[in-house]
């Protein structure tokens, strides 16, 4: 391996370690913002058509 490749690999690994550490520290500290409730959509039930049987024995 050339010296430039070694330094590039070392730099990439160092950045990976730092970003991982910052992510772990952020998760350990918790969010500063309150969680917003998720928006939910309710679907209306389908209406029965006139041709559909109303009971199973029809």
PDB file of N, CA and C in Angstrom:
ATOM      1  N   UNK A   1       0.844  -1.190   0.000  1.00  0.00           N
ATOM      2  CA  UNK A   1       0.000   0.000   0.000  1.00  0.00           C
ATOM      3  C   UNK A   1       0.883   1.245   0.000  1.00  0.00           C
ATOM      4  N   UNK A   2       0.440   2.214  -0.713  1.00  0.00           N
ATOM      5  CA  UNK A   2       1.198   3.458  -0.742  1.00  0.00           C
ATOM      6  C   UNK A   2       0.864   4.284   0.492  1.00  0.00           C
ATOM      7  N   UNK A   3       1.746   5.182   0.791  1.00  0.00           N
ATOM      8  CA  UNK A   3       1.593   6.004   1.986  1.00  0.00           C
ATOM      9  C   UNK A   3       0.320   6.848   1.919  1.00  0.00           C
ATOM     10  N   UNK A   4      -0.008   7.358   0.744  1.00  0.00           N
ATOM     11  CA  UNK A   4      -1.217   8.170   0.585  1.00  0.00           C
ATOM     12  C   UNK A   4      -2.468   7.341   0.854  1.00  0.00           C
ATOM     13  N   UNK A   5      -2.482   6.089   0.385  1.00  0.00           N
ATOM     14  CA  UNK A   5      -3.623   5.207   0.638  1.00  0.00           C
ATOM     15  C   UNK A   5      -3.772   4.899   2.121  1.00  0.00           C
ATOM     16  N   UNK A   6      -2.643   4.724   2.794  1.00  0.00           N
ATOM     17  CA  UNK A   6      -2.682   4.445   4.235  1.00  0.00           C
ATOM     18  C   UNK A   6      -3.256   5.633   4.983  1.00  0.00           C
ATOM     19  N   UNK A   7      -2.828   6.835   4.636  1.00  0.00           N
ATOM     20  CA  UNK A   7      -3.346   8.032   5.306  1.00  0.00           C
ATOM     21  C   UNK A   7      -4.832   8.246   4.997  1.00  0.00           C
ATOM     22  N   UNK A   8      -5.248   7.951   3.778  1.00  0.00           N
ATOM     23  CA  UNK A   8      -6.666   8.096   3.429  1.00  0.00           C
ATOM     24  C   UNK A   8      -7.515   7.098   4.211  1.00  0.00           C
ATOM     25  N   UNK A   9      -7.031   5.865   4.327  1.00  0.00           N
ATOM     26  CA  UNK A   9      -7.756   4.860   5.093  1.00  0.00           C
ATOM     27  C   UNK A   9      -7.814   5.230   6.569  1.00  0.00           C
ATOM     28  N   UNK A  10      -6.717   5.708   7.119  1.00  0.00           N
ATOM     29  CA  UNK A  10      -6.683   6.119   8.524  1.00  0.00           C
ATOM     30  C   UNK A  10      -7.639   7.287   8.759  1.00  0.00           C
ATOM     31  N   UNK A  11      -7.694   8.217   7.828  1.00  0.00           N
ATOM     32  CA  UNK A  11      -8.608   9.351   7.969  1.00  0.00           C
ATOM     33  C   UNK A  11     -10.063   8.920   7.914  1.00  0.00           C
ATOM     34  N   UNK A  12     -10.376   7.999   7.003  1.00  0.00           N
ATOM     35  CA  UNK A  12     -11.751   7.513   6.896  1.00  0.00           C
ATOM     36  C   UNK A  12     -12.162   6.762   8.163  1.00  0.00           C
ATOM     37  N   UNK A  13     -11.265   5.946   8.679  1.00  0.00           N
ATOM     38  CA  UNK A  13     -11.586   5.214   9.914  1.00  0.00           C
ATOM     39  C   UNK A  13     -11.727   6.154  11.110  1.00  0.00           C
ATOM     40  N   UNK A  14     -10.909   7.183  11.158  1.00  0.00           N
ATOM     41  CA  UNK A  14     -11.013   8.162  12.246  1.00  0.00           C
ATOM     42  C   UNK A  14     -12.343   8.898  12.193  1.00  0.00           C
ATOM     43  N   UNK A  15     -12.750   9.312  10.998  1.00  0.00           N
ATOM     44  CA  UNK A  15     -14.041   9.990  10.867  1.00  0.00           C
ATOM     45  C   UNK A  15     -15.189   9.056  11.242  1.00  0.00           C
ATOM     46  N   UNK A  16     -15.068   7.785  10.900  1.00  0.00           N
ATOM     47  CA  UNK A  16     -16.106   6.823  11.256  1.00  0.00           C
ATOM     48  C   UNK A  16     -16.229   6.692  12.766  1.00  0.00           C
ATOM     49  N   UNK A  17     -15.092   6.624  13.445  1.00  0.00           N
ATOM     50  CA  UNK A  17     -15.107   6.506  14.908  1.00  0.00           C
ATOM     51  C   UNK A  17     -15.711   7.756  15.533  1.00  0.00           C
ATOM     52  N   UNK A  18     -15.318   8.931  15.047  1.00  0.00           N
ATOM     53  CA  UNK A  18     -15.855  10.166  15.616  1.00  0.00           C
ATOM     54  C   UNK A  18     -17.356  10.307  15.385  1.00  0.00           C
ATOM     55  N   UNK A  19     -17.813  10.022  14.187  1.00  0.00           N
ATOM     56  CA  UNK A  19     -19.251  10.159  13.933  1.00  0.00           C
ATOM     57  C   UNK A  19     -20.047   9.131  14.731  1.00  0.00           C
ATOM     58  N   UNK A  20     -19.512   7.928  14.894  1.00  0.00           N
ATOM     59  CA  UNK A  20     -20.181   6.925  15.715  1.00  0.00           C
ATOM     60  C   UNK A  20     -20.246   7.353  17.175  1.00  0.00           C
ATOM     61  N   UNK A  21     -19.162   7.924  17.671  1.00  0.00           N
ATOM     62  CA  UNK A  21     -19.143   8.388  19.063  1.00  0.00           C
ATOM     63  C   UNK A  21     -20.138   9.528  19.277  1.00  0.00           C
ATOM     64  N   UNK A  22     -20.184  10.451  18.325  1.00  0.00           N
ATOM     65  CA  UNK A  22     -21.142  11.554  18.450  1.00  0.00           C
ATOM     66  C   UNK A  22     -22.580  11.040  18.395  1.00  0.00           C
ATOM     67  N   UNK A  23     -22.835  10.044  17.564  1.00  0.00           N
ATOM     68  CA  UNK A  23     -24.182   9.480  17.482  1.00  0.00           C
ATOM     69  C   UNK A  23     -24.561   8.798  18.791  1.00  0.00           C
ATOM     70  N   UNK A  24     -23.640   8.052  19.367  1.00  0.00           N
ATOM     71  CA  UNK A  24     -23.917   7.363  20.639  1.00  0.00           C
ATOM     72  C   UNK A  24     -24.126   8.380  21.755  1.00  0.00           C
ATOM     73  N   UNK A  25     -23.313   9.423  21.775  1.00  0.00           N
ATOM     74  CA  UNK A  25     -23.486  10.447  22.813  1.00  0.00           C
ATOM     75  C   UNK A  25     -24.825  11.155  22.648  1.00  0.00           C
ATOM     76  N   UNK A  26     -25.246  11.386  21.426  1.00  0.00           N
ATOM     77  CA  UNK A  26     -26.535  12.033  21.193  1.00  0.00           C
ATOM     78  C   UNK A  26     -27.687  11.157  21.621  1.00  0.00           C
ATOM     79  N   UNK A  27     -27.583   9.848  21.388  1.00  0.00           N
ATOM     80  CA  UNK A  27     -28.651   8.936  21.809  1.00  0.00           C
ATOM     81  C   UNK A  27     -28.678   8.796  23.324  1.00  0.00           C
ATOM     82  N   UNK A  28     -27.515   8.821  23.961  1.00  0.00           N
ATOM     83  CA  UNK A  28     -27.465   8.673  25.412  1.00  0.00           C
ATOM     84  C   UNK A  28     -28.022   9.909  26.106  1.00  0.00           C
ATOM     85  N   UNK A  29     -27.810  11.069  25.509  1.00  0.00           N
ATOM     86  CA  UNK A  29     -28.290  12.298  26.118  1.00  0.00           C
ATOM     87  C   UNK A  29     -29.785  12.482  25.926  1.00  0.00           C
ATOM     88  N   UNK A  30     -30.321  11.934  24.861  1.00  0.00           N
ATOM     89  CA  UNK A  30     -31.749  12.046  24.599  1.00  0.00           C
ATOM     90  C   UNK A  30     -32.070  13.265  23.780  1.00  0.00           C
ATOM     91  N   UNK A  31     -33.268  13.286  23.304  1.00  0.00           N
ATOM     92  CA  UNK A  31     -33.724  14.388  22.474  1.00  0.00           C
ATOM     93  C   UNK A  31     -34.109  15.567  23.347  1.00  0.00           C
ATOM     94  N   UNK A  32     -33.808  16.763  22.874  1.00  0.00           N
ATOM     95  CA  UNK A  32     -34.185  17.957  23.614  1.00  0.00           C
ATOM     96  C   UNK A  32     -35.580  18.427  23.232  1.00  0.00           C
ATOM     97  N   UNK A  33     -36.086  17.961  22.098  1.00  0.00           N
ATOM     98  CA  UNK A  33     -37.412  18.359  21.654  1.00  0.00           C
ATOM     99  C   UNK A  33     -38.433  17.323  22.113  1.00  0.00           C
ATOM    100  N   UNK A  34     -39.625  17.760  22.499  1.00  0.00           N
ATOM    101  CA  UNK A  34     -40.657  16.770  22.808  1.00  0.00           C
ATOM    102  C   UNK A  34     -41.104  16.062  21.538  1.00  0.00           C
ATOM    103  N   UNK A  35     -41.433  14.819  21.687  1.00  0.00           N
ATOM    104  CA  UNK A  35     -41.859  14.031  20.526  1.00  0.00           C
ATOM    105  C   UNK A  35     -43.203  14.538  20.020  1.00  0.00           C
ATOM    106  N   UNK A  36     -43.326  14.659  18.722  1.00  0.00           N
ATOM    107  CA  UNK A  36     -44.599  15.076  18.136  1.00  0.00           C
ATOM    108  C   UNK A  36     -45.424  13.835  17.838  1.00  0.00           C
ATOM    109  N   UNK A  37     -46.708  13.884  18.092  1.00  0.00           N
ATOM    110  CA  UNK A  37     -47.533  12.707  17.818  1.00  0.00           C
ATOM    111  C   UNK A  37     -47.615  12.432  16.319  1.00  0.00           C
ATOM    112  N   UNK A  38     -47.650  11.183  15.982  1.00  0.00           N
ATOM    113  CA  UNK A  38     -47.737  10.795  14.576  1.00  0.00           C
ATOM    114  C   UNK A  38     -49.147  11.072  14.051  1.00  0.00           C
ATOM    115  N   UNK A  39     -49.213  11.510  12.841  1.00  0.00           N
ATOM    116  CA  UNK A  39     -50.509  11.749  12.216  1.00  0.00           C
ATOM    117  C   UNK A  39     -51.064  10.415  11.725  1.00  0.00           C
ATOM    118  N   UNK A  40     -52.323  10.175  12.031  1.00  0.00           N
ATOM    119  CA  UNK A  40     -52.940   8.933  11.581  1.00  0.00           C
ATOM    120  C   UNK A  40     -54.159   9.267  10.729  1.00  0.00           C
ATOM    121  N   UNK A  41     -54.390   8.447   9.753  1.00  0.00           N
ATOM    122  CA  UNK A  41     -55.550   8.611   8.892  1.00  0.00           C
ATOM    123  C   UNK A  41     -56.509   7.460   9.144  1.00  0.00           C
ATOM    124  N   UNK A  42     -57.771   7.776   9.324  1.00  0.00           N
ATOM    125  CA  UNK A  42     -58.770   6.737   9.524  1.00  0.00           C
ATOM    126  C   UNK A  42     -59.530   6.539   8.220  1.00  0.00           C
ATOM    127  N   UNK A  43     -59.666   5.284   7.861  1.00  0.00           N
ATOM    128  CA  UNK A  43     -60.352   4.948   6.620  1.00  0.00           C
ATOM    129  C   UNK A  43     -61.769   4.507   6.961  1.00  0.00           C
ATOM    130  N   UNK A  44     -62.738   5.083   6.278  1.00  0.00           N
ATOM    131  CA  UNK A  44     -64.134   4.714   6.515  1.00  0.00           C
ATOM    132  C   UNK A  44     -64.378   3.308   5.972  1.00  0.00           C
ATOM    133  N   UNK A  45     -65.190   2.520   6.656  1.00  0.00           N
ATOM    134  CA  UNK A  45     -65.466   1.173   6.156  1.00  0.00           C
ATOM    135  C   UNK A  45     -66.238   1.234   4.835  1.00  0.00           C
ATOM    136  N   UNK A  46     -65.981   0.255   4.004  1.00  0.00           N
ATOM    137  CA  UNK A  46     -66.651   0.210   2.704  1.00  0.00           C
ATOM    138  C   UNK A  46     -68.126  -0.105   2.912  1.00  0.00           C
ATOM    139  N   UNK A  47     -68.955   0.563   2.155  1.00  0.00           N
ATOM    140  CA  UNK A  47     -70.390   0.316   2.269  1.00  0.00           C
ATOM    141  C   UNK A  47     -70.765  -0.873   1.395  1.00  0.00           C
ATOM    142  N   UNK A  48     -71.739  -1.648   1.843  1.00  0.00           N
ATOM    143  CA  UNK A  48     -72.169  -2.831   1.097  1.00  0.00           C
ATOM    144  C   UNK A  48     -72.987  -2.396  -0.113  1.00  0.00           C
ATOM    145  N   UNK A  49     -72.807  -3.087  -1.205  1.00  0.00           N
ATOM    146  CA  UNK A  49     -73.591  -2.782  -2.408  1.00  0.00           C
ATOM    147  C   UNK A  49     -74.916  -3.537  -2.340  1.00  0.00           C
ATOM    148  N   UNK A  50     -75.849  -3.151  -3.173  1.00  0.00           N
ATOM    149  CA  UNK A  50     -77.177  -3.771  -3.154  1.00  0.00           C
ATOM    150  C   UNK A  50     -77.129  -5.221  -3.608  1.00  0.00           C
ATOM    151  N   UNK A  51     -76.157  -5.605  -4.421  1.00  0.00           N
ATOM    152  CA  UNK A  51     -76.107  -6.966  -4.924  1.00  0.00           C
ATOM    153  C   UNK A  51     -75.429  -7.934  -3.957  1.00  0.00           C
ATOM    154  N   UNK A  52     -74.784  -7.429  -2.938  1.00  0.00           N
ATOM    155  CA  UNK A  52     -74.085  -8.308  -2.006  1.00  0.00           C
ATOM    156  C   UNK A  52     -75.079  -8.883  -1.013  1.00  0.00           C
ATOM    157  N   UNK A  53     -74.975 -10.186  -0.698  1.00  0.00           N
ATOM    158  CA  UNK A  53     -75.886 -10.795   0.282  1.00  0.00           C
ATOM    159  C   UNK A  53     -75.623 -10.240   1.683  1.00  0.00           C
ATOM    160  N   UNK A  54     -76.666 -10.050   2.458  1.00  0.00           N
ATOM    161  CA  UNK A  54     -76.527  -9.475   3.789  1.00  0.00           C
ATOM    162  C   UNK A  54     -76.238 -10.558   4.843  1.00  0.00           C
ATOM    163  N   UNK A  55     -76.604 -11.811   4.553  1.00  0.00           N
ATOM    164  CA  UNK A  55     -76.323 -12.899   5.485  1.00  0.00           C
ATOM    165  C   UNK A  55     -75.657 -14.017   4.714  1.00  0.00           C
ATOM    166  N   UNK A  56     -74.977 -14.913   5.409  1.00  0.00           N
ATOM    167  CA  UNK A  56     -74.230 -15.960   4.750  1.00  0.00           C
ATOM    168  C   UNK A  56     -75.143 -17.027   4.114  1.00  0.00           C
ATOM    169  N   UNK A  57     -76.386 -17.165   4.591  1.00  0.00           N
ATOM    170  CA  UNK A  57     -77.258 -18.202   4.046  1.00  0.00           C
ATOM    171  C   UNK A  57     -78.161 -17.681   2.920  1.00  0.00           C
ATOM    172  N   UNK A  58     -78.026 -16.445   2.514  1.00  0.00           N
ATOM    173  CA  UNK A  58     -78.828 -15.895   1.404  1.00  0.00           C
ATOM    174  C   UNK A  58     -78.311 -16.378   0.073  1.00  0.00           C
TER     175      UNK A  58
END
